[in-house]
Amino acid sequence: MLIRFTVENFLSFNQRTDFNMIASAEANHPYHVVKGKSEEEIGLLRTAILYGANASGKSNLIKAINFARDFIIEGVGKNKNIRAENFKLDKNCYEKPSRFEFEFRYKGKQYAYGFLVDKTKVCEEWLFEIGRQLEVPVFERNGSRVVFNFQHDIFSNISDEDKQILSYEVRGTRKNLLFLTNCQERNIAHFKTAYEWFDTVLEIITPKSELLSLLFFTETDKNITDSFEDILDFFGFRIKRIDIKETDFEKFDGMPKKRKERIKEDFPNADEKKEGIGIFSVRNGIIKRDDSGLLKLLKLTTIRDDKEGNEVIFEMSEESDGTRRVIYLIPMLMALLKGKVFIIDEIENSLHPLLMEKLFDLILNNKRFKDSESQLIASTHQVHLLDIKKLFRKDEIWFIEKNRNGESLAYSLANTDVEDLDLVKGYLNGRFGAIPFIRDVKELGWEA
């Protein structure tokens, strides 16, 4: 679970900015909080929504998280620059590094992992185990030097030979690559848990994302399909069921020949075992290599009954944008049952406001979701969700706005006295900031 994310000197965030999922002392909706299992663990929220005007920095906060995650997971090529985009409205930021830090809970431990980077190198990097009264370093990097705390449990029973291997990996880590990333590439197991959280738990969805829904249906587990169809029925789309059409990629003629050849050339080897490898998402569906080594195109279709009760097949292209959006989000809902952290930019994209409300209602109030250590964080412009007593706690509502210097600021309603206010009206009237300030149209000077 995400505890906290901080960013500094990246895009519209100049000063260090904190976004956190730490539950306040609020008594409202106690089941929205995942309580700690030990004295060192704190209560964490399962959802948060981000509000703000256009260009306020909502998307930039999510871009910062996405940049940091991608840099951890994918790294950067040899002799390539790091694409850290500094805050541009302050010349003092041009030479300063950008800072990113995540605090998270995973597999019974709480960690703080972060780094400072400029365009060419990693300046600092650190991994700590943390808690209410706990802050123990695992390793700390300053430039090309890494200091390990071999007293930490991660290094239990480490041999002198393993220590030498770690020293060798420190020397072999490129200046533009994170030590954590290098260790993963070199199969150094000590820090695998921290890396794994970014690789398998944290997911970011942009407005243009189309989730690899079919991945959930290439399994033989019928419960997955049943759950998918239950959720479709919950949202009232009157879809009887979903199905997969499989064809040989070689025989597929709905793609330019050159594109097909590039896919075949770039497709991962069949012996690759890493999760996610071996799947290509294309407009027409998903391409996958089967057990015999052949490439297959898998296309998701929907099945509806006509008025005589006969089944009719619909291609995804025939479904509405809203229906497709929900179908692409359903795998997210199913993944949330397994403890994922999803961050979605503009979650309302192509969704009716009532569908939005149903989505959060399902996650917050359904017992299956309440029993999982999962989180959904989303930016939105849908103000009707601010009906705080009905759906959200105060500490789950965040605002992002820019000050007069063009710097994005983040703040929540935690510990504020707004229980008796109409939050929708208050927000639209500018009481909490984070709204657009648009001049009167008459000031344009255009003739009527």
Protein backbone atom coordinates (compact mmCIF):
# COMPACT_ATOMS: atom_id res chain seq x y z
CA MET A 1 0.00 0.00 0.00
CA LEU A 2 1.13 3.54 -0.72
CA ILE A 3 1.81 5.54 2.43
CA ARG A 4 3.28 8.73 1.00
CA PHE A 5 4.77 10.20 -2.17
CA THR A 6 6.89 13.34 -2.24
CA VAL A 7 8.21 15.24 -5.24
CA GLU A 8 10.38 18.31 -5.64
CA ASN A 9 11.58 20.28 -8.68
CA PHE A 10 9.65 18.33 -11.31
CA LEU A 11 7.22 19.84 -13.84
CA SER A 12 4.99 22.30 -11.91
CA PHE A 13 6.18 21.16 -8.46
CA ASN A 14 8.94 23.45 -7.22
CA GLN A 15 9.09 23.04 -3.44
CA ARG A 16 8.86 19.61 -1.87
CA THR A 17 5.23 18.49 -2.10
CA ASP A 18 3.68 15.72 -0.04
CA PHE A 19 0.73 13.50 -1.01
CA ASN A 20 -0.18 10.81 1.48
CA MET A 21 -2.72 8.10 2.20
CA ILE A 22 -2.38 8.30 5.99
CA ALA A 23 -5.71 8.13 7.79
CA SER A 24 -6.52 10.97 10.17
CA ALA A 25 -8.38 10.61 13.45
CA GLU A 26 -11.71 11.13 11.64
CA ALA A 27 -14.44 8.75 12.79
CA ASN A 28 -16.48 8.87 9.57
CA HIS A 29 -16.41 5.70 7.40
CA PRO A 30 -13.95 3.72 9.56
CA TYR A 31 -14.05 0.81 7.08
CA HIS A 32 -12.26 3.04 4.55
CA VAL A 33 -9.13 2.58 6.65
CA VAL A 34 -6.82 -0.44 6.54
CA LYS A 35 -5.55 -0.63 10.09
CA GLY A 36 -1.96 -1.49 10.89
CA LYS A 37 -1.21 -5.00 12.10
CA SER A 38 1.58 -3.92 14.45
CA GLU A 39 2.51 -0.92 16.59
CA GLU A 40 4.85 0.35 13.86
CA GLU A 41 2.17 0.30 11.14
CA ILE A 42 -0.21 3.22 10.65
CA GLY A 43 -3.78 3.22 9.34
CA LEU A 44 -3.94 3.79 5.58
CA LEU A 45 -6.79 4.96 3.35
CA ARG A 46 -8.11 2.80 0.55
CA THR A 47 -9.14 5.66 -1.75
CA ALA A 48 -8.33 9.28 -2.54
CA ILE A 49 -9.65 11.73 -5.13
CA LEU A 50 -7.74 14.72 -6.51
CA TYR A 51 -9.49 17.92 -7.58
CA GLY A 52 -8.10 20.97 -9.30
CA ALA A 53 -8.51 23.35 -12.20
CA ASN A 54 -7.15 22.52 -15.64
CA ALA A 55 -3.36 22.96 -15.63
CA SER A 56 -3.30 23.06 -11.81
CA GLY A 57 -0.94 20.11 -11.55
CA LYS A 58 -3.21 17.11 -10.95
CA SER A 59 -1.85 15.28 -13.96
CA ASN A 60 1.68 16.46 -13.16
CA LEU A 61 1.50 14.76 -9.76
CA ILE A 62 0.53 11.52 -11.47
CA LYS A 63 3.20 12.09 -14.14
CA ALA A 64 5.77 12.47 -11.37
CA ILE A 65 4.73 9.12 -9.87
CA ASN A 66 4.75 7.55 -13.32
CA PHE A 67 8.17 8.96 -14.20
CA ALA A 68 9.68 7.69 -10.95
CA ARG A 69 8.11 4.24 -11.36
CA ASP A 70 9.28 3.90 -14.97
CA PHE A 71 12.79 5.02 -14.05
CA ILE A 72 12.89 2.38 -11.31
CA ILE A 73 11.47 -0.42 -13.46
CA GLU A 74 12.95 0.34 -16.87
CA GLY A 75 15.99 2.46 -16.08
CA VAL A 76 17.64 4.31 -18.95
CA GLY A 77 20.02 3.25 -21.69
CA LYS A 78 23.78 3.61 -21.53
CA ASN A 79 24.93 7.18 -22.28
CA LYS A 80 21.29 8.35 -22.38
CA ASN A 81 20.01 11.38 -20.52
CA ILE A 82 17.48 11.06 -17.69
CA ARG A 83 14.22 12.76 -18.64
CA ALA A 84 13.75 14.63 -15.39
CA GLU A 85 11.85 17.82 -16.27
CA ASN A 86 12.76 20.58 -13.83
CA PHE A 87 10.44 23.34 -12.67
CA LYS A 88 10.99 25.99 -15.35
CA LEU A 89 9.67 29.16 -13.69
CA ASP A 90 12.59 29.48 -11.26
CA LYS A 91 16.14 29.72 -12.64
CA ASN A 92 17.48 28.34 -9.36
CA CYS A 93 15.85 25.01 -10.25
CA TYR A 94 17.75 24.57 -13.51
CA GLU A 95 20.84 23.12 -11.84
CA LYS A 96 19.08 21.45 -8.91
CA PRO A 97 18.25 17.72 -9.00
CA SER A 98 14.67 16.48 -8.94
CA ARG A 99 13.62 14.52 -5.86
CA PHE A 100 11.22 11.58 -5.63
CA GLU A 101 10.38 9.42 -2.62
CA PHE A 102 7.85 6.66 -1.96
CA GLU A 103 6.82 5.29 1.40
CA PHE A 104 4.95 2.02 1.08
CA ARG A 105 3.84 -1.09 2.95
CA TYR A 106 4.46 -4.46 1.38
CA LYS A 107 4.71 -8.01 2.70
CA GLY A 108 4.57 -6.97 6.32
CA LYS A 109 7.24 -4.25 6.08
CA GLN A 110 7.17 -0.48 5.57
CA TYR A 111 9.83 1.13 3.41
CA ALA A 112 10.95 4.55 2.26
CA TYR A 113 12.71 4.50 -1.10
CA GLY A 114 13.77 7.60 -2.98
CA PHE A 115 16.36 9.28 -5.18
CA LEU A 116 17.65 12.60 -6.48
CA VAL A 117 18.45 12.85 -10.19
CA ASP A 118 19.49 15.45 -12.70
CA LYS A 119 19.67 15.11 -16.49
CA THR A 120 22.78 12.95 -16.50
CA LYS A 121 23.14 11.10 -13.19
CA VAL A 122 21.68 9.76 -9.97
CA CYS A 123 22.90 12.12 -7.25
CA GLU A 124 21.50 10.27 -4.23
CA GLU A 125 19.47 7.13 -3.56
CA TRP A 126 18.25 5.51 -0.36
CA LEU A 127 16.22 2.63 1.05
CA PHE A 128 15.00 2.66 4.68
CA GLU A 129 12.70 0.49 6.73
CA ILE A 130 10.27 2.81 8.53
CA GLY A 131 7.50 2.80 11.13
CA ARG A 132 5.94 5.01 13.79
CA GLN A 133 9.15 4.94 15.82
CA LEU A 134 11.39 3.27 13.26
CA GLU A 135 13.80 4.63 10.66
CA VAL A 136 16.55 2.15 9.84
CA PRO A 137 18.72 2.49 6.72
CA VAL A 138 19.16 -0.45 4.39
CA PHE A 139 21.46 1.34 1.97
CA GLU A 140 22.34 4.93 1.15
CA ARG A 141 23.97 6.13 -2.05
CA ASN A 142 25.77 9.39 -2.63
CA GLY A 143 27.07 9.65 -6.18
CA SER A 144 29.04 6.49 -6.90
CA ARG A 145 29.37 5.48 -3.23
CA VAL A 146 26.86 3.14 -1.55
CA VAL A 147 26.87 2.41 2.19
CA PHE A 148 25.08 -0.73 3.40
CA ASN A 149 23.68 -1.41 6.85
CA PHE A 150 24.60 -5.06 7.14
CA GLN A 151 22.87 -5.20 10.54
CA HIS A 152 19.47 -5.00 8.83
CA ASP A 153 17.39 -8.17 8.48
CA ILE A 154 17.62 -7.94 4.67
CA PHE A 155 21.27 -8.95 5.00
CA SER A 156 20.74 -11.75 7.53
CA ASN A 157 23.34 -14.51 7.13
CA ILE A 158 25.10 -12.62 4.33
CA SER A 159 28.51 -14.08 3.52
CA ASP A 160 31.75 -12.23 2.91
CA GLU A 161 31.53 -13.35 -0.70
CA ASP A 162 28.06 -11.78 -1.06
CA LYS A 163 29.40 -8.54 0.42
CA GLN A 164 32.11 -8.54 -2.22
CA ILE A 165 29.49 -9.09 -4.91
CA LEU A 166 27.52 -6.08 -3.64
CA SER A 167 30.68 -3.96 -3.72
CA TYR A 168 31.29 -5.12 -7.28
CA GLU A 169 27.73 -4.17 -8.27
CA VAL A 170 28.18 -0.72 -6.74
CA ARG A 171 31.20 -0.14 -8.97
CA GLY A 172 29.34 -1.52 -11.97
CA THR A 173 26.23 0.66 -11.58
CA ARG A 174 26.17 3.34 -14.26
CA LYS A 175 25.88 6.92 -13.02
CA ASN A 176 22.53 7.30 -14.85
CA LEU A 177 21.04 4.11 -13.38
CA LEU A 178 19.51 3.47 -9.98
CA PHE A 179 21.33 0.94 -7.80
CA LEU A 180 17.98 -0.75 -7.10
CA THR A 181 17.38 -1.16 -10.84
CA ASN A 182 20.89 -2.48 -11.42
CA CYS A 183 20.45 -5.05 -8.64
CA GLN A 184 17.25 -6.30 -10.25
CA GLU A 185 18.95 -6.60 -13.63
CA ARG A 186 21.84 -8.49 -12.00
CA ASN A 187 19.58 -10.81 -9.95
CA ILE A 188 20.71 -9.45 -6.57
CA ALA A 189 17.96 -10.76 -4.30
CA HIS A 190 18.42 -8.59 -1.18
CA PHE A 191 16.29 -5.70 -2.47
CA LYS A 192 13.84 -7.70 -4.55
CA THR A 193 10.87 -6.96 -2.27
CA ALA A 194 11.24 -3.20 -2.68
CA TYR A 195 11.62 -3.46 -6.46
CA GLU A 196 8.69 -5.87 -6.67
CA TRP A 197 6.29 -3.34 -5.17
CA PHE A 198 6.94 -0.93 -8.01
CA ASP A 199 6.88 -3.67 -10.64
CA THR A 200 3.83 -5.67 -9.61
CA VAL A 201 1.74 -3.55 -7.22
CA LEU A 202 1.85 0.08 -8.37
CA GLU A 203 -0.10 0.76 -11.59
CA ILE A 204 -0.74 4.09 -13.32
CA ILE A 205 -3.55 4.59 -15.86
CA THR A 206 -3.69 7.64 -18.13
CA PRO A 207 -6.74 8.82 -20.12
CA LYS A 208 -5.39 7.03 -23.19
CA SER A 209 -4.64 3.74 -21.47
CA GLU A 210 -6.43 0.61 -22.59
CA LEU A 211 -5.76 -2.08 -20.03
CA LEU A 212 -4.76 -5.53 -21.20
CA SER A 213 -8.17 -6.92 -20.30
CA LEU A 214 -7.62 -10.15 -22.15
CA LEU A 215 -4.82 -11.15 -19.83
CA PHE A 216 -7.48 -11.99 -17.28
CA PHE A 217 -9.27 -14.29 -19.70
CA THR A 218 -6.39 -16.32 -21.02
CA GLU A 219 -6.51 -18.15 -17.70
CA THR A 220 -8.68 -21.24 -17.24
CA ASP A 221 -10.16 -20.03 -13.96
CA LYS A 222 -13.89 -19.67 -14.61
CA ASN A 223 -14.27 -17.50 -11.50
CA ILE A 224 -12.43 -14.71 -13.30
CA THR A 225 -14.90 -14.68 -16.18
CA ASP A 226 -17.83 -14.92 -13.80
CA SER A 227 -16.54 -11.95 -11.79
CA PHE A 228 -16.08 -9.92 -14.97
CA GLU A 229 -19.66 -10.58 -16.03
CA ASP A 230 -21.00 -9.89 -12.54
CA ILE A 231 -19.38 -6.46 -12.62
CA LEU A 232 -20.76 -5.73 -16.10
CA ASP A 233 -24.22 -6.60 -14.80
CA PHE A 234 -23.62 -4.38 -11.74
CA PHE A 235 -23.01 -1.42 -14.06
CA GLY A 236 -26.18 -2.20 -16.03
CA PHE A 237 -24.76 -2.61 -19.54
CA ARG A 238 -27.08 -5.51 -20.43
CA ILE A 239 -24.17 -7.52 -21.76
CA LYS A 240 -24.86 -11.22 -21.44
CA ARG A 241 -21.21 -12.24 -21.41
CA ILE A 242 -17.83 -11.54 -22.89
CA ASP A 243 -15.91 -13.83 -25.22
CA ILE A 244 -12.51 -14.08 -26.89
CA LYS A 245 -11.93 -14.64 -30.58
CA GLU A 246 -8.55 -16.15 -31.36
CA THR A 247 -6.96 -16.09 -34.82
CA ASP A 248 -3.51 -16.82 -36.22
CA PHE A 249 -1.56 -13.59 -36.41
CA GLU A 250 -0.11 -14.62 -39.78
CA LYS A 251 -3.63 -14.79 -41.25
CA PHE A 252 -4.77 -11.49 -39.78
CA ASP A 253 -5.19 -8.91 -42.54
CA GLY A 254 -6.34 -5.93 -40.46
CA MET A 255 -2.85 -4.48 -40.07
CA PRO A 256 -0.24 -3.13 -42.52
CA LYS A 257 2.30 -5.75 -43.56
CA LYS A 258 5.28 -3.71 -42.36
CA ARG A 259 3.70 -3.31 -38.92
CA LYS A 260 3.16 -7.07 -38.69
CA GLU A 261 6.78 -7.72 -39.65
CA ARG A 262 8.05 -5.31 -37.00
CA ILE A 263 5.93 -7.00 -34.34
CA LYS A 264 7.26 -10.42 -35.31
CA GLU A 265 10.83 -9.14 -35.21
CA ASP A 266 10.42 -7.41 -31.85
CA PHE A 267 8.31 -10.05 -30.13
CA PRO A 268 10.00 -11.47 -27.01
CA ASN A 269 11.43 -14.95 -27.07
CA ALA A 270 9.16 -17.72 -25.89
CA ASP A 271 11.51 -18.55 -23.00
CA GLU A 272 11.06 -15.14 -21.38
CA LYS A 273 9.36 -15.67 -18.04
CA LYS A 274 9.00 -12.14 -16.68
CA GLU A 275 5.40 -11.12 -16.03
CA GLY A 276 4.04 -8.93 -18.84
CA ILE A 277 6.64 -10.07 -21.38
CA GLY A 278 5.18 -11.85 -24.39
CA ILE A 279 2.13 -9.63 -24.76
CA PHE A 280 1.69 -6.88 -27.34
CA SER A 281 -1.30 -4.58 -27.10
CA VAL A 282 -2.56 -3.36 -30.46
CA ARG A 283 -5.67 -1.51 -31.53
CA ASN A 284 -7.26 -4.74 -32.70
CA GLY A 285 -6.61 -6.71 -29.51
CA ILE A 286 -3.67 -8.49 -27.94
CA ILE A 287 -0.97 -10.55 -29.60
CA LYS A 288 0.38 -13.48 -27.65
CA ARG A 289 2.70 -16.41 -28.32
CA ASP A 290 1.06 -19.78 -27.61
CA ASP A 291 2.75 -22.90 -26.23
CA SER A 292 3.75 -24.04 -29.71
CA GLY A 293 5.50 -20.76 -30.46
CA LEU A 294 2.89 -19.37 -32.86
CA LEU A 295 1.62 -15.80 -32.55
CA LYS A 296 -2.09 -15.44 -31.88
CA LEU A 297 -4.34 -12.39 -32.03
CA LEU A 298 -6.91 -12.33 -29.22
CA LYS A 299 -9.91 -10.04 -29.58
CA LEU A 300 -12.44 -9.29 -26.88
CA THR A 301 -16.09 -9.37 -27.96
CA THR A 302 -19.36 -8.81 -26.13
CA ILE A 303 -22.47 -10.98 -26.41
CA ARG A 304 -25.99 -9.59 -26.15
CA ASP A 305 -29.43 -11.13 -26.69
CA ASP A 306 -31.74 -9.72 -29.34
CA LYS A 307 -35.48 -9.42 -28.70
CA GLU A 308 -36.01 -13.05 -29.74
CA GLY A 309 -33.39 -14.23 -27.28
CA ASN A 310 -30.76 -15.00 -29.90
CA GLU A 311 -27.13 -14.17 -29.13
CA VAL A 312 -25.52 -11.37 -31.12
CA ILE A 313 -21.76 -10.76 -31.18
CA PHE A 314 -20.41 -7.20 -30.96
CA GLU A 315 -16.85 -6.11 -31.70
CA MET A 316 -15.34 -3.73 -29.14
CA SER A 317 -15.29 -1.02 -31.81
CA GLU A 318 -19.10 -1.23 -31.90
CA GLU A 319 -19.43 -0.50 -28.17
CA SER A 320 -19.73 3.04 -26.81
CA ASP A 321 -16.73 4.87 -25.36
CA GLY A 322 -18.24 4.57 -21.89
CA THR A 323 -18.81 0.82 -22.20
CA ARG A 324 -15.27 0.26 -23.46
CA ARG A 325 -13.87 2.44 -20.67
CA VAL A 326 -15.64 0.37 -18.00
CA ILE A 327 -14.54 -2.88 -19.65
CA TYR A 328 -10.95 -1.66 -19.62
CA LEU A 329 -11.31 -0.68 -15.95
CA ILE A 330 -12.83 -3.99 -14.83
CA PRO A 331 -9.45 -5.79 -14.79
CA MET A 332 -8.35 -3.01 -12.44
CA LEU A 333 -11.25 -3.83 -10.12
CA MET A 334 -10.32 -7.49 -10.16
CA ALA A 335 -6.66 -6.66 -9.53
CA LEU A 336 -7.71 -4.53 -6.56
CA LEU A 337 -8.96 -7.71 -4.94
CA LYS A 338 -5.32 -8.83 -4.90
CA GLY A 339 -3.87 -5.77 -3.18
CA LYS A 340 -2.87 -3.55 -6.11
CA VAL A 341 -2.42 0.23 -5.96
CA PHE A 342 -4.03 1.97 -8.96
CA ILE A 343 -3.57 5.64 -9.77
CA ILE A 344 -5.87 6.92 -12.51
CA ASP A 345 -5.68 10.28 -14.23
CA GLU A 346 -9.10 11.67 -15.27
CA ILE A 347 -11.05 8.64 -14.13
CA GLU A 348 -14.29 10.21 -15.39
CA ASN A 349 -13.11 9.96 -19.02
CA SER A 350 -16.17 8.74 -21.01
CA LEU A 351 -17.96 7.75 -17.79
CA HIS A 352 -21.36 9.01 -16.71
CA PRO A 353 -21.27 10.64 -13.22
CA LEU A 354 -23.51 7.93 -11.82
CA LEU A 355 -21.13 5.25 -13.10
CA MET A 356 -18.32 7.05 -11.31
CA GLU A 357 -20.26 6.98 -8.09
CA LYS A 358 -21.07 3.29 -8.57
CA LEU A 359 -17.41 2.53 -9.15
CA PHE A 360 -16.28 4.07 -5.86
CA ASP A 361 -19.31 2.67 -4.05
CA LEU A 362 -18.33 -0.82 -5.19
CA ILE A 363 -14.72 -0.42 -4.05
CA LEU A 364 -15.55 1.18 -0.71
CA ASN A 365 -18.62 -0.79 0.32
CA ASN A 366 -18.37 -4.26 -1.19
CA LYS A 367 -17.06 -6.78 1.35
CA ARG A 368 -14.68 -8.40 -1.15
CA PHE A 369 -12.86 -5.10 -1.66
CA LYS A 370 -12.96 -4.12 2.00
CA ASP A 371 -11.06 -7.27 2.88
CA SER A 372 -8.18 -6.48 0.48
CA GLU A 373 -5.19 -4.19 1.05
CA SER A 374 -5.77 -2.30 -2.17
CA GLN A 375 -5.94 1.40 -3.05
CA LEU A 376 -7.52 3.52 -5.76
CA ILE A 377 -6.28 7.09 -6.25
CA ALA A 378 -7.87 9.14 -9.01
CA SER A 379 -7.97 12.68 -10.37
CA THR A 380 -11.37 13.97 -11.44
CA HIS A 381 -13.49 17.04 -12.20
CA GLN A 382 -16.72 15.33 -11.07
CA VAL A 383 -17.76 17.63 -8.21
CA HIS A 384 -20.82 15.61 -7.22
CA LEU A 385 -18.47 13.08 -5.58
CA LEU A 386 -17.78 15.76 -2.95
CA ASP A 387 -20.93 14.72 -1.11
CA ILE A 388 -18.63 13.84 1.76
CA LYS A 389 -21.14 12.29 4.15
CA LYS A 390 -22.40 9.93 1.49
CA LEU A 391 -19.19 8.60 -0.04
CA PHE A 392 -15.81 9.92 1.16
CA ARG A 393 -13.96 10.89 4.32
CA LYS A 394 -12.41 14.35 4.52
CA ASP A 395 -8.88 12.95 4.44
CA GLU A 396 -9.66 11.20 1.14
CA ILE A 397 -10.31 14.50 -0.66
CA TRP A 398 -7.29 16.36 -2.03
CA PHE A 399 -6.92 19.62 -3.95
CA ILE A 400 -4.14 20.70 -6.30
CA GLU A 401 -3.74 24.35 -7.27
CA LYS A 402 -1.08 26.74 -8.54
CA ASN A 403 0.05 29.83 -6.69
CA ARG A 404 0.95 33.14 -8.33
CA ASN A 405 4.45 31.82 -9.07
CA GLY A 406 3.09 28.91 -11.09
CA GLU A 407 3.96 26.35 -8.41
CA SER A 408 1.57 23.47 -7.77
CA LEU A 409 0.50 22.90 -4.17
CA ALA A 410 -1.30 19.86 -2.73
CA TYR A 411 -3.53 19.80 0.35
CA SER A 412 -6.39 17.72 1.74
CA LEU A 413 -9.51 18.36 3.81
CA ALA A 414 -8.12 16.29 6.69
CA ASN A 415 -8.67 17.91 10.09
CA THR A 416 -10.83 20.71 8.64
CA ASP A 417 -14.22 21.72 10.04
CA VAL A 418 -16.48 21.28 7.00
CA GLU A 419 -19.01 18.70 8.19
CA ASP A 420 -21.93 21.11 7.96
CA LEU A 421 -20.96 22.67 4.62
CA ASP A 422 -22.25 21.97 1.14
CA LEU A 423 -18.88 20.89 -0.27
CA VAL A 424 -19.96 20.99 -3.90
CA LYS A 425 -21.17 24.58 -3.56
CA GLY A 426 -18.19 25.56 -1.44
CA TYR A 427 -15.72 24.11 -3.94
CA LEU A 428 -17.37 25.74 -6.97
CA ASN A 429 -17.45 29.07 -5.10
CA GLY A 430 -13.69 28.83 -4.55
CA ARG A 431 -13.72 28.25 -0.81
CA PHE A 432 -11.09 25.49 -1.09
CA GLY A 433 -9.22 26.92 -4.07
CA ALA A 434 -8.18 24.58 -6.91
CA ILE A 435 -10.74 25.97 -9.38
CA PRO A 436 -10.19 27.95 -12.61
CA PHE A 437 -10.43 31.74 -12.36
CA ILE A 438 -11.96 32.85 -15.66
CA ARG A 439 -12.45 36.52 -16.49
CA ASP A 440 -15.80 37.94 -17.50
CA VAL A 441 -16.40 37.43 -21.23
CA LYS A 442 -17.16 41.16 -21.56
CA GLU A 443 -13.53 41.90 -20.71
CA LEU A 444 -12.49 40.38 -24.03
CA GLY A 445 -13.77 43.50 -25.75
CA TRP A 446 -15.49 41.53 -28.50
CA GLU A 447 -18.61 43.09 -29.93
CA ALA A 448 -21.86 41.24 -29.32
